[in-house]
Amino acid sequence: MKRLEFISLQVNDLQASKDFYTNKLGFELSEMKHPEAVIFKYNKGEASFAIRKPLENLENKELGNGVSIWFTVDEKIEDLKTRFEQNNIKVLGLIMETPFGKAFHIKDLDGYKLTFLSNE
């Protein structure tokens, strides 16, 4: 395998998750459309992902358990953390040093752990 091309997360409430990712986190919508999904562009299209309606019955299942997705950002990690906190997004722990740079975690509405990384 050469690279991960695209990722799609199943969510319980597509509209609520769309609002969370766009209005709270600042992700941009892609020009691509799909009736069962919301497709985002991130970092000027370098990494793309989507949220989508479930492919199967997900009742009583924890969706994000064990999943962590990392996004590299261009801004200072401290500024991003502050902006997220101002948007009432719960940050999980402190900014940490990783082998890749400074990072912190949040969880989305379905429990997916999102890690934001800055290598400044």
C-alpha atoms as a PDB file:
ATOM      1  CA  MET A   1       0.000   0.000   0.000  1.00  0.00           C
ATOM      2  CA  LYS A   2       1.238   3.447  -0.875  1.00  0.00           C
ATOM      3  CA  ARG A   3      -1.096   5.836   0.916  1.00  0.00           C
ATOM      4  CA  LEU A   4      -4.456   6.322   2.508  1.00  0.00           C
ATOM      5  CA  GLU A   5      -6.567   8.037  -0.133  1.00  0.00           C
ATOM      6  CA  PHE A   6      -9.806   8.819   1.681  1.00  0.00           C
ATOM      7  CA  ILE A   7     -11.595   8.130   4.941  1.00  0.00           C
ATOM      8  CA  SER A   8     -15.302   8.052   5.711  1.00  0.00           C
ATOM      9  CA  LEU A   9     -16.751   8.102   9.228  1.00  0.00           C
ATOM     10  CA  GLN A  10     -20.244   6.779   9.913  1.00  0.00           C
ATOM     11  CA  VAL A  11     -22.193   9.141  12.151  1.00  0.00           C
ATOM     12  CA  ASN A  12     -25.516   8.943  13.968  1.00  0.00           C
ATOM     13  CA  ASP A  13     -26.787  12.403  12.996  1.00  0.00           C
ATOM     14  CA  LEU A  14     -25.426  13.671   9.687  1.00  0.00           C
ATOM     15  CA  GLN A  15     -26.699  17.251  10.077  1.00  0.00           C
ATOM     16  CA  ALA A  16     -25.434  17.636  13.671  1.00  0.00           C
ATOM     17  CA  SER A  17     -22.025  16.253  12.691  1.00  0.00           C
ATOM     18  CA  LYS A  18     -21.889  18.517   9.638  1.00  0.00           C
ATOM     19  CA  ASP A  19     -22.527  21.510  11.907  1.00  0.00           C
ATOM     20  CA  PHE A  20     -19.849  20.343  14.375  1.00  0.00           C
ATOM     21  CA  TYR A  21     -17.178  19.864  11.702  1.00  0.00           C
ATOM     22  CA  THR A  22     -17.928  23.055   9.768  1.00  0.00           C
ATOM     23  CA  ASN A  23     -19.071  25.594  12.368  1.00  0.00           C
ATOM     24  CA  LYS A  24     -17.123  24.417  15.419  1.00  0.00           C
ATOM     25  CA  LEU A  25     -13.949  22.944  13.911  1.00  0.00           C
ATOM     26  CA  GLY A  26     -13.752  25.049  10.745  1.00  0.00           C
ATOM     27  CA  PHE A  27     -13.557  22.311   8.119  1.00  0.00           C
ATOM     28  CA  GLU A  28     -14.554  23.383   4.604  1.00  0.00           C
ATOM     29  CA  LEU A  29     -17.083  21.574   2.467  1.00  0.00           C
ATOM     30  CA  SER A  30     -15.840  19.989  -0.722  1.00  0.00           C
ATOM     31  CA  GLU A  31     -17.426  20.687  -4.087  1.00  0.00           C
ATOM     32  CA  MET A  32     -18.135  16.927  -4.312  1.00  0.00           C
ATOM     33  CA  LYS A  33     -21.695  15.972  -3.364  1.00  0.00           C
ATOM     34  CA  HIS A  34     -23.253  12.720  -2.192  1.00  0.00           C
ATOM     35  CA  PRO A  35     -26.827  12.233  -0.957  1.00  0.00           C
ATOM     36  CA  GLU A  36     -25.779  10.045   1.990  1.00  0.00           C
ATOM     37  CA  ALA A  37     -22.636  11.958   3.023  1.00  0.00           C
ATOM     38  CA  VAL A  38     -20.958  15.273   3.675  1.00  0.00           C
ATOM     39  CA  ILE A  39     -17.522  15.518   2.081  1.00  0.00           C
ATOM     40  CA  PHE A  40     -14.898  17.901   3.428  1.00  0.00           C
ATOM     41  CA  LYS A  41     -11.722  19.362   2.083  1.00  0.00           C
ATOM     42  CA  TYR A  42      -8.988  20.139   4.542  1.00  0.00           C
ATOM     43  CA  ASN A  43      -5.656  21.885   4.217  1.00  0.00           C
ATOM     44  CA  LYS A  44      -6.482  23.055   0.702  1.00  0.00           C
ATOM     45  CA  GLY A  45      -7.588  19.621  -0.436  1.00  0.00           C
ATOM     46  CA  GLU A  46      -4.461  17.725   0.624  1.00  0.00           C
ATOM     47  CA  ALA A  47      -6.451  15.365   2.843  1.00  0.00           C
ATOM     48  CA  SER A  48     -10.091  14.577   2.215  1.00  0.00           C
ATOM     49  CA  PHE A  49     -12.613  12.784   4.348  1.00  0.00           C
ATOM     50  CA  ALA A  50     -16.351  12.467   4.763  1.00  0.00           C
ATOM     51  CA  ILE A  51     -18.994  11.800   7.331  1.00  0.00           C
ATOM     52  CA  ARG A  52     -21.855   9.656   6.189  1.00  0.00           C
ATOM     53  CA  LYS A  53     -25.105   8.050   7.167  1.00  0.00           C
ATOM     54  CA  PRO A  54     -24.538   4.573   8.613  1.00  0.00           C
ATOM     55  CA  LEU A  55     -24.065   1.665   6.237  1.00  0.00           C
ATOM     56  CA  GLU A  56     -25.783  -0.631   8.739  1.00  0.00           C
ATOM     57  CA  ASN A  57     -27.832  -0.366  11.937  1.00  0.00           C
ATOM     58  CA  LEU A  58     -25.602   1.315  14.527  1.00  0.00           C
ATOM     59  CA  GLU A  59     -28.101   1.440  17.372  1.00  0.00           C
ATOM     60  CA  ASN A  60     -26.407   0.938  20.765  1.00  0.00           C
ATOM     61  CA  LYS A  61     -22.921   0.892  19.208  1.00  0.00           C
ATOM     62  CA  GLU A  62     -20.085   3.230  20.157  1.00  0.00           C
ATOM     63  CA  LEU A  63     -18.849   4.457  16.797  1.00  0.00           C
ATOM     64  CA  GLY A  64     -15.522   6.100  17.551  1.00  0.00           C
ATOM     65  CA  ASN A  65     -14.137   3.557  19.984  1.00  0.00           C
ATOM     66  CA  GLY A  66     -10.503   2.870  19.117  1.00  0.00           C
ATOM     67  CA  VAL A  67     -10.319   5.311  16.180  1.00  0.00           C
ATOM     68  CA  SER A  68      -7.897   8.252  16.137  1.00  0.00           C
ATOM     69  CA  ILE A  69      -7.467  10.499  13.104  1.00  0.00           C
ATOM     70  CA  TRP A  70      -4.603  12.997  12.898  1.00  0.00           C
ATOM     71  CA  PHE A  71      -4.718  16.316  11.052  1.00  0.00           C
ATOM     72  CA  THR A  72      -1.669  18.524  10.541  1.00  0.00           C
ATOM     73  CA  VAL A  73      -2.442  22.225  10.834  1.00  0.00           C
ATOM     74  CA  ASP A  74      -0.613  25.332   9.655  1.00  0.00           C
ATOM     75  CA  GLU A  75      -1.462  27.522  12.629  1.00  0.00           C
ATOM     76  CA  LYS A  76       0.079  27.553  16.088  1.00  0.00           C
ATOM     77  CA  ILE A  77      -1.303  24.655  18.066  1.00  0.00           C
ATOM     78  CA  GLU A  78      -1.919  26.875  21.089  1.00  0.00           C
ATOM     79  CA  ASP A  79      -4.065  29.244  18.994  1.00  0.00           C
ATOM     80  CA  LEU A  80      -6.096  26.362  17.584  1.00  0.00           C
ATOM     81  CA  LYS A  81      -6.669  24.886  21.046  1.00  0.00           C
ATOM     82  CA  THR A  82      -7.843  28.287  22.319  1.00  0.00           C
ATOM     83  CA  ARG A  83     -10.215  28.698  19.349  1.00  0.00           C
ATOM     84  CA  PHE A  84     -11.691  25.241  19.915  1.00  0.00           C
ATOM     85  CA  GLU A  85     -12.208  25.949  23.610  1.00  0.00           C
ATOM     86  CA  GLN A  86     -13.948  29.226  22.713  1.00  0.00           C
ATOM     87  CA  ASN A  87     -16.252  27.165  20.465  1.00  0.00           C
ATOM     88  CA  ASN A  88     -17.115  24.978  23.500  1.00  0.00           C
ATOM     89  CA  ILE A  89     -15.202  21.983  22.182  1.00  0.00           C
ATOM     90  CA  LYS A  90     -13.834  19.823  24.978  1.00  0.00           C
ATOM     91  CA  VAL A  91     -10.095  19.333  24.565  1.00  0.00           C
ATOM     92  CA  LEU A  92      -8.851  16.017  25.969  1.00  0.00           C
ATOM     93  CA  GLY A  93      -5.799  16.795  28.078  1.00  0.00           C
ATOM     94  CA  LEU A  94      -2.991  19.235  27.491  1.00  0.00           C
ATOM     95  CA  ILE A  95      -0.949  20.013  24.405  1.00  0.00           C
ATOM     96  CA  MET A  96       1.662  17.292  24.213  1.00  0.00           C
ATOM     97  CA  GLU A  97       4.977  16.771  22.498  1.00  0.00           C
ATOM     98  CA  THR A  98       4.934  13.853  20.062  1.00  0.00           C
ATOM     99  CA  PRO A  99       7.654  12.514  17.749  1.00  0.00           C
ATOM    100  CA  PHE A 100       5.833  14.455  14.993  1.00  0.00           C
ATOM    101  CA  GLY A 101       5.360  17.810  16.782  1.00  0.00           C
ATOM    102  CA  LYS A 102       2.929  19.394  19.252  1.00  0.00           C
ATOM    103  CA  ALA A 103      -0.582  17.940  19.365  1.00  0.00           C
ATOM    104  CA  PHE A 104      -3.843  17.748  21.274  1.00  0.00           C
ATOM    105  CA  HIS A 105      -6.977  15.613  21.068  1.00  0.00           C
ATOM    106  CA  ILE A 106     -10.705  16.207  20.967  1.00  0.00           C
ATOM    107  CA  LYS A 107     -13.663  13.866  20.426  1.00  0.00           C
ATOM    108  CA  ASP A 108     -16.410  14.485  17.906  1.00  0.00           C
ATOM    109  CA  LEU A 109     -20.132  13.891  18.508  1.00  0.00           C
ATOM    110  CA  ASP A 110     -19.806  10.145  17.863  1.00  0.00           C
ATOM    111  CA  GLY A 111     -16.664   9.588  19.926  1.00  0.00           C
ATOM    112  CA  TYR A 112     -14.081   9.645  17.140  1.00  0.00           C
ATOM    113  CA  LYS A 113     -10.805  10.981  18.550  1.00  0.00           C
ATOM    114  CA  LEU A 114      -9.392  13.761  16.383  1.00  0.00           C
ATOM    115  CA  THR A 115      -5.782  14.782  16.905  1.00  0.00           C
ATOM    116  CA  PHE A 116      -4.528  18.137  15.673  1.00  0.00           C
ATOM    117  CA  LEU A 117      -0.783  18.386  15.097  1.00  0.00           C
ATOM    118  CA  SER A 118       1.528  21.294  14.395  1.00  0.00           C
ATOM    119  CA  ASN A 119       5.165  20.740  13.527  1.00  0.00           C
ATOM    120  CA  GLU A 120       6.098  24.416  13.981  1.00  0.00           C
END
